[in-house]
Structure formats: structure tokens, C-alpha cells
Amino acid sequence: TKDNEYLKFSNSNKKLDKIADWMDVRKSDIKTFNLTPEKTCPFAYDCQKLFECYAVIQEKYRKAFKKNNKYNTDLLFKYHHSIDKMTDLIDSSLNEIKCKVLRIHSSGDFFNPRYLKSWINVARNNSKIIMYAYTTSLKYWVNNLDEINNLDNFKLIASLGTNNQDHLIKENNLQFSKVVYSDNEAKALKLSIDDNEKLAISQNKPFALKIHGTQPAGHNSYKIKRLNLVRADLSLV
């Protein structure tokens, strides 16, 4: 990669700021790394078909966010055939910032197996940075399961509701998160809601995430959220 090419990292958002409430870090130590949503999410389903992805919503209203995502995606796609080149690019870019906690992909996902391998290398090279990501690219995860399990600073959480990948969660005992529309839905599923990333980062049990972002007008989440109802077809399948 060229010396002057660096990926762009972003400051944490309101939810990620809460990590500083339970972990010994400052808000300024928490960063995110993002890509263009949908384009880099080969196995997403629920967040494209059942509700609107938070990152897609953000891109509609925040031009700088969309521009940064595209910049990172275009730069990585230039080197997507080479694990080493992507590793070097991410590594050198990380060296330009100060960071103790990194949320990988609050927008986007692991778009091919080599790209995930690159992040595994980056995590190994930067053992003092805690890195974590929610992912629907479960096939790539499972193919690197032992290697990922041996890294103390690299954590993946499966996003339930993938395109034909959910069976891999149970088969491989993967930690997962489920998007719910109300507190009562989480209770019905016997899942705790994570509102500060503690359940994601610091333990391995499944948990719930409450739907966020403004859903399209008339979406069934509005009524369920407001009246704290439970969907009739709610399940963990």
C-alpha cells in the first residue's frame, strides 16, 4: 500500500461512550471503523428485509458519514485480494490514532474471508487494543474459529437474522445478539438488553439489542415499542 494512504476511524457515538462507564477507558479512547452498509454485508437478511439498518438510515442524513464509509470501502476493495496488503493498510492506519477500544463495523461487515483474516492479523499485532464486531458473516468466522478463540482482544458477536447462516450459531455455540422491538420481547426470549456494550464485550452469553434508528413510517416496531408488546411470531430461529 502507498505510504500516504490511511483508512479513517471515527469517534465513538452515544452508546459506545457508555463503555467508559464500566471499563477503565476515556471516551476519547473509543473509536469506530466503518464501511458502506449493504455493499459489504454479503449475508445480512433481517436488517435489510425486516427492518431498516441503522447505518443505512445514518447514511441518508449524514453526508460525512456516508463519504467516510465509501472512502474506507473503496480503499480496502483496492487490496481485497491480498490479506497482507489489507493487514498493512489497517495496521498503519491504526498507528495514526490513539485507541484502546475499537468497534469494527458499526456500519458494514466482513465482506470476504481474506478481509476477516486481515483483522485477525491486526488484532494479533495490536494486543493492547480491544476490538469487537457484530457480524452476519458467520461462515468466515466459523472457518477461523480456533484462531479467533485464542485471541483475548478480538471478539465477534453473531447478529441473529442472517441469510441462511443462523444454523451456524447453534452448531458452533457462537455468542449472538437478537434485535427486539420492546422490553417485553426481550423478557419473552429470556434475554438481557445490552445498552452499553458490556454484554457484547465482557461475556459470551446471547443478549438482545433494542431496535434503533427511525424505521419507515408505519413499521410494526412503532406500535410494539410504544405499547411494549410482543410479536406473535417472535422466536430465536
C-alpha atoms as a PDB file:
ATOM      1  CA  THR A   1       0.000   0.000   0.000  1.00  0.00           C
ATOM      2  CA  LYS A   2       1.112   3.577  -0.539  1.00  0.00           C
ATOM      3  CA  ASP A   3       2.573   5.317   2.497  1.00  0.00           C
ATOM      4  CA  ASN A   4       0.137   8.218   2.386  1.00  0.00           C
ATOM      5  CA  GLU A   5      -2.992   6.054   2.229  1.00  0.00           C
ATOM      6  CA  TYR A   6      -4.752   5.744   5.560  1.00  0.00           C
ATOM      7  CA  LEU A   7      -8.174   4.462   6.486  1.00  0.00           C
ATOM      8  CA  LYS A   8     -10.414   6.756   8.519  1.00  0.00           C
ATOM      9  CA  PHE A   9     -11.517   5.963  12.058  1.00  0.00           C
ATOM     10  CA  SER A  10     -14.351   7.788  13.794  1.00  0.00           C
ATOM     11  CA  ASN A  11     -15.016   8.861  17.375  1.00  0.00           C
ATOM     12  CA  SER A  12     -17.449   6.835  19.454  1.00  0.00           C
ATOM     13  CA  ASN A  13     -21.180   7.529  19.484  1.00  0.00           C
ATOM     14  CA  LYS A  14     -23.534   7.947  22.459  1.00  0.00           C
ATOM     15  CA  LYS A  15     -23.906   4.211  23.013  1.00  0.00           C
ATOM     16  CA  LEU A  16     -20.193   3.487  22.734  1.00  0.00           C
ATOM     17  CA  ASP A  17     -19.434   6.392  25.085  1.00  0.00           C
ATOM     18  CA  LYS A  18     -21.089   4.300  27.808  1.00  0.00           C
ATOM     19  CA  ILE A  19     -18.214   1.810  27.631  1.00  0.00           C
ATOM     20  CA  ALA A  20     -16.274   4.386  29.672  1.00  0.00           C
ATOM     21  CA  ASP A  21     -18.851   3.933  32.483  1.00  0.00           C
ATOM     22  CA  TRP A  22     -17.783   0.334  33.170  1.00  0.00           C
ATOM     23  CA  MET A  23     -14.323  -0.006  31.602  1.00  0.00           C
ATOM     24  CA  ASP A  24     -11.202   1.918  32.591  1.00  0.00           C
ATOM     25  CA  VAL A  25     -11.019   3.988  29.405  1.00  0.00           C
ATOM     26  CA  ARG A  26     -11.880   7.545  28.405  1.00  0.00           C
ATOM     27  CA  LYS A  27     -14.450   8.309  25.735  1.00  0.00           C
ATOM     28  CA  SER A  28     -11.629   9.617  23.553  1.00  0.00           C
ATOM     29  CA  ASP A  29     -10.018   6.125  23.712  1.00  0.00           C
ATOM     30  CA  ILE A  30     -13.039   4.560  21.957  1.00  0.00           C
ATOM     31  CA  LYS A  31     -13.110   4.564  18.151  1.00  0.00           C
ATOM     32  CA  THR A  32     -15.178   3.006  15.382  1.00  0.00           C
ATOM     33  CA  PHE A  33     -14.273   1.771  11.931  1.00  0.00           C
ATOM     34  CA  ASN A  34     -16.945   1.757   9.241  1.00  0.00           C
ATOM     35  CA  LEU A  35     -17.651   0.639   5.702  1.00  0.00           C
ATOM     36  CA  THR A  36     -20.542   1.186   3.318  1.00  0.00           C
ATOM     37  CA  PRO A  37     -23.570  -0.819   4.591  1.00  0.00           C
ATOM     38  CA  GLU A  38     -25.294  -3.458   2.422  1.00  0.00           C
ATOM     39  CA  LYS A  39     -22.480  -3.407  -0.177  1.00  0.00           C
ATOM     40  CA  THR A  40     -20.125  -5.012   2.361  1.00  0.00           C
ATOM     41  CA  CYS A  41     -22.725  -7.250   4.071  1.00  0.00           C
ATOM     42  CA  PRO A  42     -22.966 -10.449   1.962  1.00  0.00           C
ATOM     43  CA  PHE A  43     -25.063 -12.427   4.463  1.00  0.00           C
ATOM     44  CA  ALA A  44     -27.370  -9.819   6.000  1.00  0.00           C
ATOM     45  CA  TYR A  45     -31.106 -10.501   5.932  1.00  0.00           C
ATOM     46  CA  ASP A  46     -33.235  -9.163   8.814  1.00  0.00           C
ATOM     47  CA  CYS A  47     -31.539  -5.746   8.809  1.00  0.00           C
ATOM     48  CA  GLN A  48     -32.307  -5.391   5.100  1.00  0.00           C
ATOM     49  CA  LYS A  49     -35.667  -7.137   4.771  1.00  0.00           C
ATOM     50  CA  LEU A  50     -37.470  -6.924   8.141  1.00  0.00           C
ATOM     51  CA  PHE A  51     -36.303  -3.524   9.369  1.00  0.00           C
ATOM     52  CA  GLU A  52     -34.051  -0.764   8.129  1.00  0.00           C
ATOM     53  CA  CYS A  53     -30.386  -0.966   9.059  1.00  0.00           C
ATOM     54  CA  TYR A  54     -29.211   1.768  11.420  1.00  0.00           C
ATOM     55  CA  ALA A  55     -26.192   2.522   9.204  1.00  0.00           C
ATOM     56  CA  VAL A  56     -28.374   2.882   6.094  1.00  0.00           C
ATOM     57  CA  ILE A  57     -30.552   5.374   7.988  1.00  0.00           C
ATOM     58  CA  GLN A  58     -27.465   7.290   9.145  1.00  0.00           C
ATOM     59  CA  GLU A  59     -26.104   7.496   5.607  1.00  0.00           C
ATOM     60  CA  LYS A  60     -29.321   9.210   4.456  1.00  0.00           C
ATOM     61  CA  TYR A  61     -28.882  12.103   6.875  1.00  0.00           C
ATOM     62  CA  ARG A  62     -25.133  12.333   7.464  1.00  0.00           C
ATOM     63  CA  LYS A  63     -23.166  13.082   4.300  1.00  0.00           C
ATOM     64  CA  ALA A  64     -19.775  12.994   6.033  1.00  0.00           C
ATOM     65  CA  PHE A  65     -20.566   9.539   7.489  1.00  0.00           C
ATOM     66  CA  LYS A  66     -21.515   8.219   4.046  1.00  0.00           C
ATOM     67  CA  LYS A  67     -18.422   9.777   2.465  1.00  0.00           C
ATOM     68  CA  ASN A  68     -16.060   8.256   5.062  1.00  0.00           C
ATOM     69  CA  ASN A  69     -17.684   4.838   4.658  1.00  0.00           C
ATOM     70  CA  LYS A  70     -17.235   4.983   0.889  1.00  0.00           C
ATOM     71  CA  TYR A  71     -13.620   6.150   1.226  1.00  0.00           C
ATOM     72  CA  ASN A  72     -12.752   3.199   3.515  1.00  0.00           C
ATOM     73  CA  THR A  73     -14.628   0.711   1.345  1.00  0.00           C
ATOM     74  CA  ASP A  74     -13.004   1.879  -1.895  1.00  0.00           C
ATOM     75  CA  LEU A  75      -9.534   1.803  -0.351  1.00  0.00           C
ATOM     76  CA  LEU A  76      -9.927  -1.721   1.061  1.00  0.00           C
ATOM     77  CA  PHE A  77     -11.502  -3.019  -2.149  1.00  0.00           C
ATOM     78  CA  LYS A  78      -8.331  -1.956  -3.974  1.00  0.00           C
ATOM     79  CA  TYR A  79      -6.412  -4.544  -1.956  1.00  0.00           C
ATOM     80  CA  HIS A  80      -9.154  -7.102  -1.272  1.00  0.00           C
ATOM     81  CA  HIS A  81      -7.252  -9.951  -2.955  1.00  0.00           C
ATOM     82  CA  SER A  82      -4.343  -9.691  -0.519  1.00  0.00           C
ATOM     83  CA  ILE A  83      -4.534 -10.461   3.207  1.00  0.00           C
ATOM     84  CA  ASP A  84      -1.076  -8.959   3.731  1.00  0.00           C
ATOM     85  CA  LYS A  85      -1.864  -5.689   1.969  1.00  0.00           C
ATOM     86  CA  MET A  86      -5.146  -5.226   3.839  1.00  0.00           C
ATOM     87  CA  THR A  87      -3.392  -6.078   7.116  1.00  0.00           C
ATOM     88  CA  ASP A  88      -0.681  -3.484   6.410  1.00  0.00           C
ATOM     89  CA  LEU A  89      -3.260  -0.872   5.446  1.00  0.00           C
ATOM     90  CA  ILE A  90      -5.350  -1.338   8.602  1.00  0.00           C
ATOM     91  CA  ASP A  91      -2.252  -1.592  10.815  1.00  0.00           C
ATOM     92  CA  SER A  92      -0.596   1.559   9.503  1.00  0.00           C
ATOM     93  CA  SER A  93      -3.893   3.459   9.739  1.00  0.00           C
ATOM     94  CA  LEU A  94      -4.418   2.338  13.341  1.00  0.00           C
ATOM     95  CA  ASN A  95      -0.938   3.588  14.214  1.00  0.00           C
ATOM     96  CA  GLU A  96      -2.064   7.092  13.268  1.00  0.00           C
ATOM     97  CA  ILE A  97      -4.668   7.262  16.070  1.00  0.00           C
ATOM     98  CA  LYS A  98      -4.827   6.663  19.799  1.00  0.00           C
ATOM     99  CA  CYS A  99      -7.272   3.927  20.618  1.00  0.00           C
ATOM    100  CA  LYS A 100      -7.948   1.399  23.392  1.00  0.00           C
ATOM    101  CA  VAL A 101     -11.343   0.069  22.276  1.00  0.00           C
ATOM    102  CA  LEU A 102     -12.301  -0.345  18.636  1.00  0.00           C
ATOM    103  CA  ARG A 103     -15.786  -1.162  17.415  1.00  0.00           C
ATOM    104  CA  ILE A 104     -15.286  -2.654  13.982  1.00  0.00           C
ATOM    105  CA  HIS A 105     -18.223  -2.003  11.644  1.00  0.00           C
ATOM    106  CA  SER A 106     -20.956  -0.022  13.294  1.00  0.00           C
ATOM    107  CA  SER A 107     -21.593   0.156   9.540  1.00  0.00           C
ATOM    108  CA  GLY A 108     -20.639  -2.643   7.167  1.00  0.00           C
ATOM    109  CA  ASP A 109     -19.321  -6.175   7.727  1.00  0.00           C
ATOM    110  CA  PHE A 110     -16.572  -8.647   6.828  1.00  0.00           C
ATOM    111  CA  PHE A 111     -17.097  -8.675   3.067  1.00  0.00           C
ATOM    112  CA  ASN A 112     -14.813 -11.595   2.214  1.00  0.00           C
ATOM    113  CA  PRO A 113     -12.777 -14.244   4.091  1.00  0.00           C
ATOM    114  CA  ARG A 114      -9.443 -12.520   3.404  1.00  0.00           C
ATOM    115  CA  TYR A 115     -10.691  -9.293   4.948  1.00  0.00           C
ATOM    116  CA  LEU A 116     -11.622 -11.096   8.183  1.00  0.00           C
ATOM    117  CA  LYS A 117      -8.179 -12.753   8.171  1.00  0.00           C
ATOM    118  CA  SER A 118      -6.651  -9.282   7.909  1.00  0.00           C
ATOM    119  CA  TRP A 119      -8.471  -8.140  11.050  1.00  0.00           C
ATOM    120  CA  ILE A 120      -7.338 -11.290  12.888  1.00  0.00           C
ATOM    121  CA  ASN A 121      -3.753 -10.332  11.980  1.00  0.00           C
ATOM    122  CA  VAL A 122      -4.335  -6.727  13.070  1.00  0.00           C
ATOM    123  CA  ALA A 123      -5.722  -7.893  16.421  1.00  0.00           C
ATOM    124  CA  ARG A 124      -2.666 -10.079  16.946  1.00  0.00           C
ATOM    125  CA  ASN A 125      -0.388  -7.152  16.068  1.00  0.00           C
ATOM    126  CA  ASN A 126      -2.197  -4.772  18.442  1.00  0.00           C
ATOM    127  CA  SER A 127      -2.822  -6.865  21.529  1.00  0.00           C
ATOM    128  CA  LYS A 128      -3.476  -3.843  23.782  1.00  0.00           C
ATOM    129  CA  ILE A 129      -6.481  -2.701  21.744  1.00  0.00           C
ATOM    130  CA  ILE A 130      -9.817  -4.408  22.444  1.00  0.00           C
ATOM    131  CA  MET A 131     -11.552  -4.990  19.109  1.00  0.00           C
ATOM    132  CA  TYR A 132     -15.067  -6.283  18.622  1.00  0.00           C
ATOM    133  CA  ALA A 133     -17.681  -6.556  15.887  1.00  0.00           C
ATOM    134  CA  TYR A 134     -21.217  -7.746  15.308  1.00  0.00           C
ATOM    135  CA  THR A 135     -21.329  -9.847  12.160  1.00  0.00           C
ATOM    136  CA  THR A 136     -23.572 -11.799   9.807  1.00  0.00           C
ATOM    137  CA  SER A 137     -20.536 -13.305   8.001  1.00  0.00           C
ATOM    138  CA  LEU A 138     -20.734 -16.391  10.170  1.00  0.00           C
ATOM    139  CA  LYS A 139     -19.213 -18.768   7.625  1.00  0.00           C
ATOM    140  CA  TYR A 140     -15.961 -16.783   7.641  1.00  0.00           C
ATOM    141  CA  TRP A 141     -15.979 -16.715  11.458  1.00  0.00           C
ATOM    142  CA  VAL A 142     -16.512 -20.477  11.781  1.00  0.00           C
ATOM    143  CA  ASN A 143     -13.667 -21.138   9.329  1.00  0.00           C
ATOM    144  CA  ASN A 144     -11.324 -19.245  11.692  1.00  0.00           C
ATOM    145  CA  LEU A 145     -12.944 -20.267  14.966  1.00  0.00           C
ATOM    146  CA  ASP A 146      -9.908 -21.619  16.839  1.00  0.00           C
ATOM    147  CA  GLU A 147      -7.719 -18.707  15.846  1.00  0.00           C
ATOM    148  CA  ILE A 148     -10.324 -16.159  16.955  1.00  0.00           C
ATOM    149  CA  ASN A 149     -10.997 -18.003  20.220  1.00  0.00           C
ATOM    150  CA  ASN A 150      -7.279 -17.795  21.030  1.00  0.00           C
ATOM    151  CA  LEU A 151      -7.226 -14.001  20.746  1.00  0.00           C
ATOM    152  CA  ASP A 152      -8.034 -12.240  24.018  1.00  0.00           C
ATOM    153  CA  ASN A 153      -8.585  -8.862  22.366  1.00  0.00           C
ATOM    154  CA  PHE A 154     -10.744  -9.818  19.353  1.00  0.00           C
ATOM    155  CA  LYS A 155     -14.427 -10.537  19.890  1.00  0.00           C
ATOM    156  CA  LEU A 156     -17.191 -11.357  17.426  1.00  0.00           C
ATOM    157  CA  ILE A 157     -20.926 -11.433  18.115  1.00  0.00           C
ATOM    158  CA  ALA A 158     -23.290 -13.080  15.642  1.00  0.00           C
ATOM    159  CA  SER A 159     -26.219 -10.955  14.515  1.00  0.00           C
ATOM    160  CA  LEU A 160     -29.200 -13.319  14.506  1.00  0.00           C
ATOM    161  CA  GLY A 161     -31.234 -12.952  11.328  1.00  0.00           C
ATOM    162  CA  THR A 162     -28.727 -13.779   8.612  1.00  0.00           C
ATOM    163  CA  ASN A 163     -29.256 -15.086   5.103  1.00  0.00           C
ATOM    164  CA  ASN A 164     -29.112 -18.869   5.702  1.00  0.00           C
ATOM    165  CA  GLN A 165     -26.288 -18.667   8.263  1.00  0.00           C
ATOM    166  CA  ASP A 166     -28.199 -18.798  11.572  1.00  0.00           C
ATOM    167  CA  HIS A 167     -27.773 -22.583  11.904  1.00  0.00           C
ATOM    168  CA  LEU A 168     -24.027 -21.987  12.383  1.00  0.00           C
ATOM    169  CA  ILE A 169     -24.736 -20.165  15.651  1.00  0.00           C
ATOM    170  CA  LYS A 170     -26.110 -23.225  17.431  1.00  0.00           C
ATOM    171  CA  GLU A 171     -23.768 -25.674  15.713  1.00  0.00           C
ATOM    172  CA  ASN A 172     -20.697 -23.733  16.850  1.00  0.00           C
ATOM    173  CA  ASN A 173     -22.006 -22.272  20.116  1.00  0.00           C
ATOM    174  CA  LEU A 174     -21.473 -18.685  18.923  1.00  0.00           C
ATOM    175  CA  GLN A 175     -22.470 -15.734  21.058  1.00  0.00           C
ATOM    176  CA  PHE A 176     -25.311 -13.886  19.365  1.00  0.00           C
ATOM    177  CA  SER A 177     -27.471 -10.800  19.631  1.00  0.00           C
ATOM    178  CA  LYS A 178     -31.158 -10.544  18.682  1.00  0.00           C
ATOM    179  CA  VAL A 179     -32.883  -7.303  17.722  1.00  0.00           C
ATOM    180  CA  VAL A 180     -36.099  -6.839  19.705  1.00  0.00           C
ATOM    181  CA  TYR A 181     -38.805  -4.195  19.339  1.00  0.00           C
ATOM    182  CA  SER A 182     -39.694  -3.872  23.049  1.00  0.00           C
ATOM    183  CA  ASP A 183     -38.536  -4.680  26.593  1.00  0.00           C
ATOM    184  CA  ASN A 184     -41.234  -7.338  26.817  1.00  0.00           C
ATOM    185  CA  GLU A 185     -39.901  -9.076  23.722  1.00  0.00           C
ATOM    186  CA  ALA A 186     -36.501  -9.387  25.409  1.00  0.00           C
ATOM    187  CA  LYS A 187     -38.213 -10.783  28.531  1.00  0.00           C
ATOM    188  CA  ALA A 188     -40.193 -13.289  26.473  1.00  0.00           C
ATOM    189  CA  LEU A 189     -36.937 -14.523  24.940  1.00  0.00           C
ATOM    190  CA  LYS A 190     -35.210 -14.502  28.358  1.00  0.00           C
ATOM    191  CA  LEU A 191     -32.516 -12.154  27.024  1.00  0.00           C
ATOM    192  CA  SER A 192     -30.988  -9.130  28.735  1.00  0.00           C
ATOM    193  CA  ILE A 193     -30.833  -5.911  26.732  1.00  0.00           C
ATOM    194  CA  ASP A 194     -27.356  -4.516  26.151  1.00  0.00           C
ATOM    195  CA  ASP A 195     -27.352  -0.712  26.134  1.00  0.00           C
ATOM    196  CA  ASN A 196     -23.664  -0.071  26.913  1.00  0.00           C
ATOM    197  CA  GLU A 197     -21.775  -2.857  25.050  1.00  0.00           C
ATOM    198  CA  LYS A 198     -20.868  -4.627  28.288  1.00  0.00           C
ATOM    199  CA  LEU A 199     -22.705  -7.850  27.381  1.00  0.00           C
ATOM    200  CA  ALA A 200     -21.103  -7.785  23.938  1.00  0.00           C
ATOM    201  CA  ILE A 201     -17.539  -7.246  25.095  1.00  0.00           C
ATOM    202  CA  SER A 202     -17.227  -8.811  28.529  1.00  0.00           C
ATOM    203  CA  GLN A 203     -19.177 -12.099  28.396  1.00  0.00           C
ATOM    204  CA  ASN A 204     -20.220 -14.842  25.975  1.00  0.00           C
ATOM    205  CA  LYS A 205     -23.951 -15.270  26.506  1.00  0.00           C
ATOM    206  CA  PRO A 206     -26.639 -14.238  23.993  1.00  0.00           C
ATOM    207  CA  PHE A 207     -28.378 -10.911  24.541  1.00  0.00           C
ATOM    208  CA  ALA A 208     -30.915  -8.543  22.993  1.00  0.00           C
ATOM    209  CA  LEU A 209     -30.497  -5.199  21.253  1.00  0.00           C
ATOM    210  CA  LYS A 210     -33.424  -2.816  21.110  1.00  0.00           C
ATOM    211  CA  ILE A 211     -34.261  -1.627  17.600  1.00  0.00           C
ATOM    212  CA  HIS A 212     -32.792   1.807  16.954  1.00  0.00           C
ATOM    213  CA  GLY A 213     -32.922   4.336  14.204  1.00  0.00           C
ATOM    214  CA  THR A 214     -36.078   5.775  12.677  1.00  0.00           C
ATOM    215  CA  GLN A 215     -37.864   2.940  10.915  1.00  0.00           C
ATOM    216  CA  PRO A 216     -40.012   3.591   7.825  1.00  0.00           C
ATOM    217  CA  ALA A 217     -43.431   5.116   8.598  1.00  0.00           C
ATOM    218  CA  GLY A 218     -45.942   2.503   9.687  1.00  0.00           C
ATOM    219  CA  HIS A 219     -43.306  -0.124  10.525  1.00  0.00           C
ATOM    220  CA  ASN A 220     -44.713  -2.635  13.036  1.00  0.00           C
ATOM    221  CA  SER A 221     -41.937  -1.807  15.532  1.00  0.00           C
ATOM    222  CA  TYR A 222     -43.609   1.546  16.354  1.00  0.00           C
ATOM    223  CA  LYS A 223     -46.708   0.092  17.964  1.00  0.00           C
ATOM    224  CA  ILE A 224     -44.850  -2.798  19.624  1.00  0.00           C
ATOM    225  CA  LYS A 225     -42.269  -0.402  21.100  1.00  0.00           C
ATOM    226  CA  ARG A 226     -44.812   2.167  22.285  1.00  0.00           C
ATOM    227  CA  LEU A 227     -47.181  -0.353  23.903  1.00  0.00           C
ATOM    228  CA  ASN A 228     -44.399  -2.742  24.997  1.00  0.00           C
ATOM    229  CA  LEU A 229     -45.995  -5.655  23.137  1.00  0.00           C
ATOM    230  CA  VAL A 230     -44.539  -8.940  21.908  1.00  0.00           C
ATOM    231  CA  ARG A 231     -44.665 -10.032  18.274  1.00  0.00           C
ATOM    232  CA  ALA A 232     -46.808 -13.119  17.684  1.00  0.00           C
ATOM    233  CA  ASP A 233     -44.100 -14.749  15.543  1.00  0.00           C
ATOM    234  CA  LEU A 234     -41.214 -13.900  17.886  1.00  0.00           C
ATOM    235  CA  SER A 235     -38.594 -16.637  18.087  1.00  0.00           C
ATOM    236  CA  LEU A 236     -34.868 -17.265  18.276  1.00  0.00           C
ATOM    237  CA  VAL A 237     -34.831 -19.083  14.948  1.00  0.00           C
END
